[in-house]
C-alpha cells in the first residue's frame, strides 16, 4: 500500500508539473508577442530609412538617365543644306559606301545598326562631317517622326545631305530636293 501511495503522489506531482509547465509556456509566448509588438516601431524606422535610400537612388538614376538623354540627343551643332535622295546604284555610284565599303547594299539596304543609336538611316555628306557622324532632321514628306541618320558615304558638297534610298525612282519621287536644318548629335565615331 505504501508503494501505491508513493506512485499516486508522484502521479499528482507529475500532473502539477505539467500544468505549471503549460502555464510557463503560455506566459513566455505572450511575453514574446509583447516583445515583437514593442519592436514593431523599430522595424518601421528601419523600413522608412531604407525607403529614403531607395528614393534617393531612384532620383539619382533618373538624373543619370536625363543626363544620358541630353548627351545622346542634345545637338552639338546645327547646319542648313539641301536634302536629296540617291540609290546605291545611281549613275555615278559604285554600290559601295565611302566610309564602309564592305557593307552590302545590293539587297536595297538603307539602314545601319549603330551601337549607340540603333537602326539609323544612311546618308552621304561632304567631308565637313566625319564618317560615323549622327544627324537628326525633320522631313515630314518622308516621315512623321524625326529621321536619325549616320554619315557613311560621300559625294555631296557643303552642308547638303543625300539620303540613301531603296532606288533612284524612290529618291526622285519621295525625297526630291528640300531645304532642311539638321542637328549633329555625334561628330564621327568615338575612338
N, C-alpha and C. Protein backbone atom coordinates (compact mmCIF):
# COMPACT_ATOMS: atom_id res chain seq x y z
N UNK A 1 0.80 -1.17 0.00
CA UNK A 1 0.00 0.00 0.00
C UNK A 1 0.86 1.25 0.00
N UNK A 2 1.94 1.14 0.70
CA UNK A 2 2.86 2.25 0.77
C UNK A 2 3.36 2.59 -0.64
N UNK A 3 3.58 1.59 -1.46
CA UNK A 3 4.05 1.80 -2.82
C UNK A 3 3.01 2.51 -3.68
N UNK A 4 1.70 2.15 -3.45
CA UNK A 4 0.65 2.80 -4.21
C UNK A 4 0.55 4.27 -3.84
N UNK A 5 0.74 4.59 -2.64
CA UNK A 5 0.68 5.99 -2.19
C UNK A 5 1.81 6.79 -2.81
N UNK A 6 2.96 6.20 -2.86
CA UNK A 6 4.12 6.90 -3.45
C UNK A 6 3.85 7.14 -4.93
N UNK A 7 3.33 6.11 -5.63
CA UNK A 7 3.05 6.25 -7.05
C UNK A 7 1.96 7.30 -7.29
N UNK A 8 0.95 7.30 -6.44
CA UNK A 8 -0.12 8.28 -6.57
C UNK A 8 0.42 9.68 -6.32
N UNK A 9 1.29 9.83 -5.35
CA UNK A 9 1.90 11.13 -5.07
C UNK A 9 2.77 11.60 -6.22
N UNK A 10 3.53 10.66 -6.81
CA UNK A 10 4.36 11.02 -7.97
C UNK A 10 3.49 11.41 -9.16
N UNK A 11 2.39 10.69 -9.32
CA UNK A 11 1.48 10.98 -10.43
C UNK A 11 0.90 12.38 -10.27
N UNK A 12 0.47 12.73 -9.06
CA UNK A 12 -0.07 14.06 -8.79
C UNK A 12 1.00 15.13 -8.99
N UNK A 13 2.21 14.83 -8.56
CA UNK A 13 3.33 15.76 -8.74
C UNK A 13 3.60 15.99 -10.23
N UNK A 14 3.52 14.91 -11.01
CA UNK A 14 3.73 15.00 -12.45
C UNK A 14 2.64 15.85 -13.09
N UNK A 15 1.38 15.68 -12.69
CA UNK A 15 0.28 16.48 -13.21
C UNK A 15 0.49 17.96 -12.90
N UNK A 16 0.87 18.23 -11.67
CA UNK A 16 1.11 19.62 -11.26
C UNK A 16 2.26 20.20 -12.07
N UNK A 17 3.30 19.40 -12.30
CA UNK A 17 4.46 19.87 -13.09
C UNK A 17 4.05 20.19 -14.52
N UNK A 18 3.19 19.35 -15.11
CA UNK A 18 2.72 19.58 -16.48
C UNK A 18 1.89 20.85 -16.53
N UNK A 19 1.02 21.08 -15.58
CA UNK A 19 0.18 22.28 -15.54
C UNK A 19 1.05 23.52 -15.38
N UNK A 20 2.03 23.47 -14.47
CA UNK A 20 2.94 24.60 -14.27
C UNK A 20 3.74 24.86 -15.54
N UNK A 21 4.21 23.77 -16.19
CA UNK A 21 4.96 23.91 -17.46
C UNK A 21 4.11 24.55 -18.53
N UNK A 22 2.83 24.14 -18.63
CA UNK A 22 1.93 24.71 -19.63
C UNK A 22 1.71 26.19 -19.36
N UNK A 23 1.51 26.54 -18.10
CA UNK A 23 1.34 27.94 -17.73
C UNK A 23 2.59 28.74 -18.09
N UNK A 24 3.75 28.16 -17.83
CA UNK A 24 5.02 28.83 -18.15
C UNK A 24 5.16 29.05 -19.66
N UNK A 25 4.80 28.03 -20.46
CA UNK A 25 4.88 28.15 -21.93
C UNK A 25 3.94 29.24 -22.42
N UNK A 26 2.71 29.24 -21.91
CA UNK A 26 1.73 30.26 -22.32
C UNK A 26 2.22 31.64 -21.92
N UNK A 27 2.74 31.77 -20.72
CA UNK A 27 3.24 33.05 -20.24
C UNK A 27 4.41 33.54 -21.09
N UNK A 28 5.34 32.63 -21.38
CA UNK A 28 6.50 33.05 -22.18
C UNK A 28 6.10 33.37 -23.61
N UNK A 29 5.11 32.70 -24.19
CA UNK A 29 4.63 33.00 -25.54
C UNK A 29 4.03 34.40 -25.59
N UNK A 30 3.24 34.73 -24.58
CA UNK A 30 2.64 36.06 -24.60
C UNK A 30 3.68 37.14 -24.39
N UNK A 31 4.72 36.86 -23.63
CA UNK A 31 5.76 37.88 -23.46
C UNK A 31 6.56 38.05 -24.75
N UNK A 32 6.71 36.95 -25.52
CA UNK A 32 7.37 37.09 -26.83
C UNK A 32 6.52 37.94 -27.75
N UNK A 33 5.20 37.75 -27.70
CA UNK A 33 4.32 38.55 -28.54
C UNK A 33 4.42 40.02 -28.16
N UNK A 34 4.50 40.29 -26.86
CA UNK A 34 4.64 41.67 -26.42
C UNK A 34 5.96 42.24 -26.92
N UNK A 35 7.02 41.44 -26.88
CA UNK A 35 8.33 41.90 -27.34
C UNK A 35 8.26 42.22 -28.84
N UNK A 36 7.61 41.34 -29.62
CA UNK A 36 7.51 41.59 -31.05
C UNK A 36 6.73 42.86 -31.33
N UNK A 37 5.64 43.06 -30.63
CA UNK A 37 4.85 44.25 -30.90
C UNK A 37 5.57 45.50 -30.43
N UNK A 38 6.38 45.39 -29.42
CA UNK A 38 7.08 46.58 -28.98
C UNK A 38 8.24 46.92 -29.92
N UNK A 39 8.71 45.94 -30.69
CA UNK A 39 9.79 46.19 -31.65
C UNK A 39 9.26 46.64 -33.01
N UNK A 40 7.95 46.65 -33.17
CA UNK A 40 7.37 46.99 -34.45
C UNK A 40 7.77 48.39 -34.90
N UNK A 41 7.82 49.35 -34.01
CA UNK A 41 8.20 50.71 -34.37
C UNK A 41 9.65 50.79 -34.83
N UNK A 42 10.52 50.00 -34.24
CA UNK A 42 11.92 49.98 -34.66
C UNK A 42 12.00 49.50 -36.10
N UNK A 43 11.24 48.43 -36.40
CA UNK A 43 11.25 47.91 -37.77
C UNK A 43 10.72 48.94 -38.76
N UNK A 44 9.72 49.68 -38.37
CA UNK A 44 9.20 50.71 -39.27
C UNK A 44 10.23 51.79 -39.51
N UNK A 45 10.97 52.17 -38.51
CA UNK A 45 12.01 53.18 -38.67
C UNK A 45 13.05 52.70 -39.66
N UNK A 46 13.42 51.46 -39.56
CA UNK A 46 14.41 50.90 -40.49
C UNK A 46 13.83 50.89 -41.90
N UNK A 47 12.58 50.49 -42.03
CA UNK A 47 11.95 50.47 -43.34
C UNK A 47 11.87 51.87 -43.94
N UNK A 48 11.56 52.88 -43.14
CA UNK A 48 11.47 54.24 -43.65
C UNK A 48 12.82 54.75 -44.12
N UNK A 49 13.86 54.46 -43.36
CA UNK A 49 15.18 54.92 -43.80
C UNK A 49 15.62 54.13 -45.04
N UNK A 50 15.24 52.88 -45.14
CA UNK A 50 15.54 52.11 -46.35
C UNK A 50 14.79 52.70 -47.52
N UNK A 51 13.52 53.10 -47.30
CA UNK A 51 12.76 53.74 -48.36
C UNK A 51 13.42 55.04 -48.81
N UNK A 52 13.93 55.80 -47.87
CA UNK A 52 14.58 57.07 -48.20
C UNK A 52 15.81 56.81 -49.07
N UNK A 53 16.57 55.79 -48.73
CA UNK A 53 17.74 55.43 -49.55
C UNK A 53 17.29 55.01 -50.93
N UNK A 54 16.22 54.22 -51.01
CA UNK A 54 15.69 53.76 -52.28
C UNK A 54 15.23 54.93 -53.13
N UNK A 55 14.51 55.89 -52.51
CA UNK A 55 14.03 57.06 -53.24
C UNK A 55 15.21 57.89 -53.73
N UNK A 56 16.23 58.08 -52.91
CA UNK A 56 17.41 58.83 -53.35
C UNK A 56 18.09 58.14 -54.52
N UNK A 57 18.20 56.81 -54.47
CA UNK A 57 18.81 56.08 -55.59
C UNK A 57 17.96 56.20 -56.84
N UNK A 58 16.64 56.18 -56.67
CA UNK A 58 15.73 56.34 -57.79
C UNK A 58 15.89 57.73 -58.42
N UNK A 59 16.00 58.76 -57.61
CA UNK A 59 16.20 60.12 -58.12
C UNK A 59 17.55 60.25 -58.82
N UNK A 60 18.56 59.61 -58.24
CA UNK A 60 19.89 59.64 -58.84
C UNK A 60 19.87 58.93 -60.19
N UNK A 61 19.18 57.80 -60.26
CA UNK A 61 19.09 57.06 -61.52
C UNK A 61 18.34 57.89 -62.57
N UNK A 62 17.28 58.57 -62.16
CA UNK A 62 16.52 59.41 -63.08
C UNK A 62 17.39 60.56 -63.60
N UNK A 63 18.18 61.16 -62.72
CA UNK A 63 19.08 62.25 -63.13
C UNK A 63 20.13 61.73 -64.11
N UNK A 64 20.65 60.53 -63.86
CA UNK A 64 21.63 59.93 -64.77
C UNK A 64 21.02 59.65 -66.13
N UNK A 65 19.78 59.15 -66.14
CA UNK A 65 19.10 58.88 -67.41
C UNK A 65 18.86 60.18 -68.18
N UNK A 66 18.47 61.23 -67.47
CA UNK A 66 18.26 62.53 -68.13
C UNK A 66 19.57 63.06 -68.70
N UNK A 67 20.65 62.90 -67.97
CA UNK A 67 21.96 63.34 -68.46
C UNK A 67 22.36 62.55 -69.69
N UNK A 68 22.10 61.24 -69.68
CA UNK A 68 22.41 60.40 -70.83
C UNK A 68 21.58 60.82 -72.04
N UNK A 69 20.29 61.10 -71.83
CA UNK A 69 19.43 61.53 -72.93
C UNK A 69 19.91 62.86 -73.51
N UNK A 70 20.31 63.77 -72.64
CA UNK A 70 20.84 65.06 -73.11
C UNK A 70 22.13 64.83 -73.90
N UNK A 71 22.98 63.94 -73.39
CA UNK A 71 24.24 63.64 -74.07
C UNK A 71 23.98 63.02 -75.44
N UNK A 72 23.06 62.07 -75.50
CA UNK A 72 22.79 61.37 -76.77
C UNK A 72 22.00 62.22 -77.76
N UNK A 73 21.02 62.96 -77.28
CA UNK A 73 20.09 63.63 -78.18
C UNK A 73 20.23 65.15 -78.21
N UNK A 74 21.15 65.70 -77.45
CA UNK A 74 21.38 67.14 -77.49
C UNK A 74 22.23 67.50 -78.71
N UNK A 75 21.88 68.56 -79.39
CA UNK A 75 22.60 68.96 -80.60
C UNK A 75 23.96 69.56 -80.28
N UNK A 76 24.99 69.04 -80.94
CA UNK A 76 26.33 69.61 -80.82
C UNK A 76 26.46 70.84 -81.71
N UNK A 77 25.76 70.78 -82.86
CA UNK A 77 25.82 71.86 -83.84
C UNK A 77 24.62 71.68 -84.78
N UNK A 78 24.29 72.72 -85.51
CA UNK A 78 23.20 72.64 -86.49
C UNK A 78 23.68 73.22 -87.81
N UNK A 79 23.21 72.63 -88.90
CA UNK A 79 23.57 73.07 -90.25
C UNK A 79 22.31 73.17 -91.10
N UNK A 80 22.36 74.00 -92.12
CA UNK A 80 21.27 74.09 -93.10
C UNK A 80 21.84 73.75 -94.46
N UNK A 81 21.11 72.90 -95.18
CA UNK A 81 21.54 72.49 -96.51
C UNK A 81 20.39 71.84 -97.24
N UNK A 82 20.67 71.34 -98.42
CA UNK A 82 19.65 70.65 -99.20
C UNK A 82 19.64 69.17 -98.86
N UNK A 83 18.44 68.60 -98.77
CA UNK A 83 18.27 67.16 -98.62
C UNK A 83 17.86 66.61 -99.97
N UNK A 84 18.62 65.64 -100.45
CA UNK A 84 18.28 64.93 -101.68
C UNK A 84 18.35 63.44 -101.38
N UNK A 85 17.94 62.63 -102.34
CA UNK A 85 18.00 61.19 -102.18
C UNK A 85 18.79 60.57 -103.30
N UNK A 86 19.33 59.39 -103.06
CA UNK A 86 20.04 58.66 -104.11
C UNK A 86 19.91 57.16 -103.86
N UNK A 87 20.02 56.40 -104.92
CA UNK A 87 20.01 54.94 -104.82
C UNK A 87 21.45 54.44 -104.83
N UNK A 88 21.68 53.26 -104.29
CA UNK A 88 23.04 52.71 -104.19
C UNK A 88 23.68 52.50 -105.56
N UNK A 89 22.86 52.36 -106.60
CA UNK A 89 23.41 52.11 -107.93
C UNK A 89 23.06 53.23 -108.90
N UNK A 90 23.10 54.47 -108.40
CA UNK A 90 22.85 55.63 -109.25
C UNK A 90 23.95 55.70 -110.32
N UNK A 91 23.79 56.53 -111.36
CA UNK A 91 24.76 56.57 -112.46
C UNK A 91 26.22 56.74 -112.03
N UNK A 92 26.51 57.54 -111.02
CA UNK A 92 27.89 57.74 -110.61
C UNK A 92 28.25 56.93 -109.34
N UNK A 93 27.35 56.05 -108.91
CA UNK A 93 27.56 55.29 -107.68
C UNK A 93 28.13 53.90 -107.98
N UNK A 94 28.87 53.37 -107.03
CA UNK A 94 29.50 52.06 -107.22
C UNK A 94 28.76 50.94 -106.48
N UNK A 95 27.79 51.29 -105.66
CA UNK A 95 27.12 50.28 -104.84
C UNK A 95 27.85 50.03 -103.53
N UNK A 96 28.93 50.80 -103.31
CA UNK A 96 29.69 50.69 -102.06
C UNK A 96 29.71 52.05 -101.38
N UNK A 97 29.78 52.04 -100.08
CA UNK A 97 29.83 53.28 -99.31
C UNK A 97 31.27 53.73 -99.11
N UNK A 98 31.51 55.03 -99.12
CA UNK A 98 32.87 55.56 -98.97
C UNK A 98 33.45 55.25 -97.60
N UNK A 99 32.62 55.25 -96.57
CA UNK A 99 33.12 55.03 -95.20
C UNK A 99 33.12 53.56 -94.80
N UNK A 100 32.33 52.75 -95.46
CA UNK A 100 32.23 51.32 -95.14
C UNK A 100 32.04 50.54 -96.44
N UNK A 101 33.09 50.34 -97.16
CA UNK A 101 32.98 49.70 -98.48
C UNK A 101 32.54 48.24 -98.39
N UNK A 102 32.69 47.62 -97.23
CA UNK A 102 32.30 46.21 -97.11
C UNK A 102 30.82 46.02 -96.78
N UNK A 103 30.06 47.08 -96.56
CA UNK A 103 28.63 46.97 -96.25
C UNK A 103 27.87 46.70 -97.54
N UNK A 104 27.16 45.58 -97.58
CA UNK A 104 26.45 45.14 -98.79
C UNK A 104 25.15 45.92 -98.98
N UNK A 105 25.04 46.64 -100.09
CA UNK A 105 23.84 47.42 -100.39
C UNK A 105 23.03 46.81 -101.52
N UNK A 106 23.45 45.67 -102.04
CA UNK A 106 22.79 45.09 -103.21
C UNK A 106 21.36 44.65 -102.93
N UNK A 107 21.00 44.43 -101.67
CA UNK A 107 19.65 43.99 -101.34
C UNK A 107 18.70 45.17 -101.04
N UNK A 108 19.11 46.39 -101.34
CA UNK A 108 18.27 47.56 -101.09
C UNK A 108 18.41 48.11 -99.68
N UNK A 109 19.43 47.70 -99.00
CA UNK A 109 19.67 48.15 -97.62
C UNK A 109 19.85 49.67 -97.57
N UNK A 110 19.14 50.33 -96.65
CA UNK A 110 19.24 51.78 -96.50
C UNK A 110 19.48 52.19 -95.05
N UNK A 111 19.62 51.19 -94.16
CA UNK A 111 19.80 51.46 -92.74
C UNK A 111 21.08 50.81 -92.22
N UNK A 112 21.54 51.32 -91.10
CA UNK A 112 22.74 50.79 -90.44
C UNK A 112 22.42 50.64 -88.95
N UNK A 113 22.91 49.56 -88.35
CA UNK A 113 22.67 49.32 -86.92
C UNK A 113 23.84 49.87 -86.12
N UNK A 114 23.66 51.06 -85.58
CA UNK A 114 24.69 51.73 -84.78
C UNK A 114 24.62 51.23 -83.34
N UNK A 115 25.77 51.03 -82.70
CA UNK A 115 25.80 50.52 -81.32
C UNK A 115 25.10 51.44 -80.34
N UNK A 116 25.16 52.73 -80.54
CA UNK A 116 24.58 53.69 -79.60
C UNK A 116 23.17 54.12 -80.01
N UNK A 117 22.94 54.41 -81.27
CA UNK A 117 21.68 54.99 -81.72
C UNK A 117 20.72 53.97 -82.36
N UNK A 118 21.15 52.74 -82.47
CA UNK A 118 20.27 51.71 -83.01
C UNK A 118 20.19 51.75 -84.53
N UNK A 119 19.03 51.38 -85.07
CA UNK A 119 18.81 51.28 -86.51
C UNK A 119 18.57 52.67 -87.09
N UNK A 120 19.57 53.20 -87.80
CA UNK A 120 19.50 54.55 -88.34
C UNK A 120 19.64 54.51 -89.86
N UNK A 121 19.15 55.55 -90.52
CA UNK A 121 19.26 55.62 -91.97
C UNK A 121 20.67 56.06 -92.37
N UNK A 122 21.03 55.76 -93.59
CA UNK A 122 22.37 56.08 -94.11
C UNK A 122 22.27 57.32 -94.99
N UNK A 123 23.23 58.25 -94.79
CA UNK A 123 23.30 59.45 -95.62
C UNK A 123 24.72 59.65 -96.12
N UNK A 124 24.81 60.42 -97.19
CA UNK A 124 26.10 60.88 -97.71
C UNK A 124 26.22 62.36 -97.38
N UNK A 125 27.44 62.78 -97.10
CA UNK A 125 27.69 64.20 -96.85
C UNK A 125 29.04 64.56 -97.44
N UNK A 126 29.41 65.83 -97.30
CA UNK A 126 30.76 66.24 -97.69
C UNK A 126 31.70 65.84 -96.55
N UNK A 127 32.96 66.11 -96.73
CA UNK A 127 33.94 65.78 -95.68
C UNK A 127 33.84 66.73 -94.49
N UNK A 128 32.90 67.71 -94.55
CA UNK A 128 32.65 68.57 -93.39
C UNK A 128 32.22 67.74 -92.18
N UNK A 129 31.54 66.62 -92.44
CA UNK A 129 31.08 65.73 -91.37
C UNK A 129 31.86 64.41 -91.48
N UNK A 130 32.60 64.05 -90.44
CA UNK A 130 33.37 62.82 -90.50
C UNK A 130 32.48 61.57 -90.57
N UNK A 131 33.04 60.50 -91.07
CA UNK A 131 32.32 59.22 -91.12
C UNK A 131 31.88 58.83 -89.71
N UNK A 132 30.64 58.31 -89.61
CA UNK A 132 30.10 57.92 -88.31
C UNK A 132 29.34 59.02 -87.61
N UNK A 133 29.29 60.21 -88.20
CA UNK A 133 28.53 61.31 -87.61
C UNK A 133 27.04 60.96 -87.62
N UNK A 134 26.38 61.24 -86.51
CA UNK A 134 24.93 61.01 -86.40
C UNK A 134 24.23 62.36 -86.49
N UNK A 135 23.22 62.42 -87.38
CA UNK A 135 22.44 63.64 -87.53
C UNK A 135 20.95 63.33 -87.33
N UNK A 136 20.20 64.40 -87.01
CA UNK A 136 18.75 64.28 -86.85
C UNK A 136 18.11 65.44 -87.59
N UNK A 137 17.08 65.11 -88.38
CA UNK A 137 16.38 66.16 -89.11
C UNK A 137 14.92 65.78 -89.31
N UNK A 138 14.12 66.79 -89.58
CA UNK A 138 12.71 66.58 -89.88
C UNK A 138 12.50 66.67 -91.38
N UNK A 139 11.76 65.71 -91.90
CA UNK A 139 11.37 65.71 -93.31
C UNK A 139 9.96 65.13 -93.37
N UNK A 140 8.94 65.96 -93.07
CA UNK A 140 7.57 65.46 -92.97
C UNK A 140 7.06 64.76 -94.23
N UNK A 141 7.62 65.09 -95.39
CA UNK A 141 7.19 64.43 -96.62
C UNK A 141 7.72 63.00 -96.72
N UNK A 142 8.70 62.65 -95.87
CA UNK A 142 9.26 61.29 -95.85
C UNK A 142 8.79 60.53 -94.62
N UNK A 143 8.80 61.20 -93.47
CA UNK A 143 8.46 60.54 -92.21
C UNK A 143 7.84 61.54 -91.24
N UNK A 144 6.83 61.07 -90.50
CA UNK A 144 6.21 61.94 -89.48
C UNK A 144 7.15 62.13 -88.30
N UNK A 145 8.00 61.16 -88.04
CA UNK A 145 8.97 61.21 -86.94
C UNK A 145 10.28 61.83 -87.43
N UNK A 146 11.07 62.43 -86.54
CA UNK A 146 12.40 62.91 -86.96
C UNK A 146 13.23 61.74 -87.49
N UNK A 147 14.05 62.02 -88.47
CA UNK A 147 14.90 60.99 -89.07
C UNK A 147 16.27 61.06 -88.41
N UNK A 148 16.75 59.92 -87.94
CA UNK A 148 18.09 59.81 -87.37
C UNK A 148 18.91 59.08 -88.41
N UNK A 149 20.06 59.65 -88.77
CA UNK A 149 20.87 59.07 -89.84
C UNK A 149 22.35 59.12 -89.48
N UNK A 150 23.12 58.27 -90.16
CA UNK A 150 24.56 58.20 -89.95
C UNK A 150 25.26 58.48 -91.27
N UNK A 151 26.33 59.26 -91.21
CA UNK A 151 27.13 59.57 -92.40
C UNK A 151 28.04 58.37 -92.68
N UNK A 152 27.75 57.67 -93.80
CA UNK A 152 28.58 56.53 -94.21
C UNK A 152 29.02 56.65 -95.66
N UNK A 153 28.69 57.78 -96.30
CA UNK A 153 29.03 57.92 -97.71
C UNK A 153 29.41 59.37 -98.00
N UNK A 154 30.01 59.58 -99.14
CA UNK A 154 30.44 60.92 -99.60
C UNK A 154 29.76 61.22 -100.92
N UNK A 155 30.07 62.38 -101.49
CA UNK A 155 29.58 62.68 -102.83
C UNK A 155 28.72 63.92 -102.92
N UNK A 156 28.59 64.69 -101.86
CA UNK A 156 27.84 65.94 -101.94
C UNK A 156 28.75 67.08 -101.49
N UNK A 157 28.31 68.29 -101.72
CA UNK A 157 29.12 69.46 -101.39
C UNK A 157 28.54 70.22 -100.21
N UNK A 158 29.40 70.94 -99.51
CA UNK A 158 28.97 71.84 -98.43
C UNK A 158 28.22 71.13 -97.32
N UNK A 159 27.08 71.69 -96.97
CA UNK A 159 26.27 71.15 -95.87
C UNK A 159 25.09 70.30 -96.35
N UNK A 160 25.09 69.96 -97.65
CA UNK A 160 24.00 69.15 -98.19
C UNK A 160 24.08 67.72 -97.67
N UNK A 161 22.92 67.06 -97.65
CA UNK A 161 22.79 65.67 -97.20
C UNK A 161 22.07 64.90 -98.29
N UNK A 162 22.55 63.71 -98.58
CA UNK A 162 21.96 62.83 -99.58
C UNK A 162 21.51 61.55 -98.87
N UNK A 163 20.20 61.31 -98.84
CA UNK A 163 19.62 60.18 -98.12
C UNK A 163 19.63 58.93 -99.00
N UNK A 164 20.25 57.86 -98.53
CA UNK A 164 20.27 56.60 -99.27
C UNK A 164 18.85 56.05 -99.33
N UNK A 165 18.38 55.79 -100.54
CA UNK A 165 17.01 55.34 -100.78
C UNK A 165 17.04 53.97 -101.44
N UNK A 166 15.91 53.23 -101.39
CA UNK A 166 15.89 51.90 -101.99
C UNK A 166 16.16 51.91 -103.50
N UNK A 167 15.85 53.02 -104.18
CA UNK A 167 16.10 53.11 -105.63
C UNK A 167 16.15 54.57 -106.04
N UNK A 168 16.61 54.81 -107.26
CA UNK A 168 16.62 56.18 -107.80
C UNK A 168 15.21 56.70 -108.00
N UNK A 169 14.31 55.82 -108.41
CA UNK A 169 12.91 56.21 -108.60
C UNK A 169 12.30 56.67 -107.26
N UNK A 170 12.55 55.91 -106.20
CA UNK A 170 12.05 56.28 -104.87
C UNK A 170 12.64 57.63 -104.45
N UNK A 171 13.94 57.81 -104.70
CA UNK A 171 14.61 59.06 -104.31
C UNK A 171 13.99 60.26 -105.00
N UNK A 172 13.73 60.16 -106.31
CA UNK A 172 13.17 61.31 -107.02
C UNK A 172 11.69 61.52 -106.67
N UNK A 173 10.94 60.45 -106.47
CA UNK A 173 9.52 60.57 -106.21
C UNK A 173 9.21 61.02 -104.77
N UNK A 174 9.93 60.45 -103.78
CA UNK A 174 9.56 60.71 -102.38
C UNK A 174 10.51 61.64 -101.62
N UNK A 175 11.77 61.65 -101.98
CA UNK A 175 12.72 62.50 -101.26
C UNK A 175 12.83 63.86 -101.95
N UNK A 176 13.07 63.86 -103.25
CA UNK A 176 13.17 65.10 -104.01
C UNK A 176 14.34 65.96 -103.54
N UNK A 177 14.12 67.27 -103.54
CA UNK A 177 15.11 68.23 -103.04
C UNK A 177 14.39 69.20 -102.12
N UNK A 178 14.88 69.25 -100.88
CA UNK A 178 14.24 70.08 -99.86
C UNK A 178 15.32 70.78 -99.04
N UNK A 179 15.07 72.00 -98.64
CA UNK A 179 15.97 72.72 -97.74
C UNK A 179 15.65 72.25 -96.32
N UNK A 180 16.67 71.80 -95.59
CA UNK A 180 16.46 71.34 -94.21
C UNK A 180 17.52 71.94 -93.28
N UNK A 181 17.21 71.92 -92.02
CA UNK A 181 18.19 72.20 -90.97
C UNK A 181 18.33 70.91 -90.19
N UNK A 182 19.55 70.47 -89.99
CA UNK A 182 19.77 69.22 -89.25
C UNK A 182 20.71 69.45 -88.09
N UNK A 183 20.50 68.65 -87.04
CA UNK A 183 21.33 68.71 -85.83
C UNK A 183 22.35 67.60 -85.86
N UNK A 184 23.56 67.91 -85.45
CA UNK A 184 24.61 66.90 -85.30
C UNK A 184 24.54 66.41 -83.85
N UNK A 185 24.28 65.10 -83.69
CA UNK A 185 24.19 64.52 -82.35
C UNK A 185 25.52 63.90 -81.91
N UNK A 186 26.28 63.40 -82.90
CA UNK A 186 27.60 62.83 -82.60
C UNK A 186 28.49 63.18 -83.79
N UNK A 187 29.68 63.67 -83.50
CA UNK A 187 30.61 64.05 -84.56
C UNK A 187 31.59 62.90 -84.77
N UNK A 188 31.31 62.07 -85.77
CA UNK A 188 32.18 60.93 -86.07
C UNK A 188 32.09 59.83 -85.02
N UNK A 189 32.77 58.72 -85.29
CA UNK A 189 32.81 57.62 -84.32
C UNK A 189 33.73 57.97 -83.19
N UNK A 190 33.37 57.54 -81.99
CA UNK A 190 34.24 57.74 -80.82
C UNK A 190 35.41 56.79 -80.92
N UNK A 191 36.59 57.29 -80.61
CA UNK A 191 37.78 56.43 -80.69
C UNK A 191 38.29 56.13 -79.32
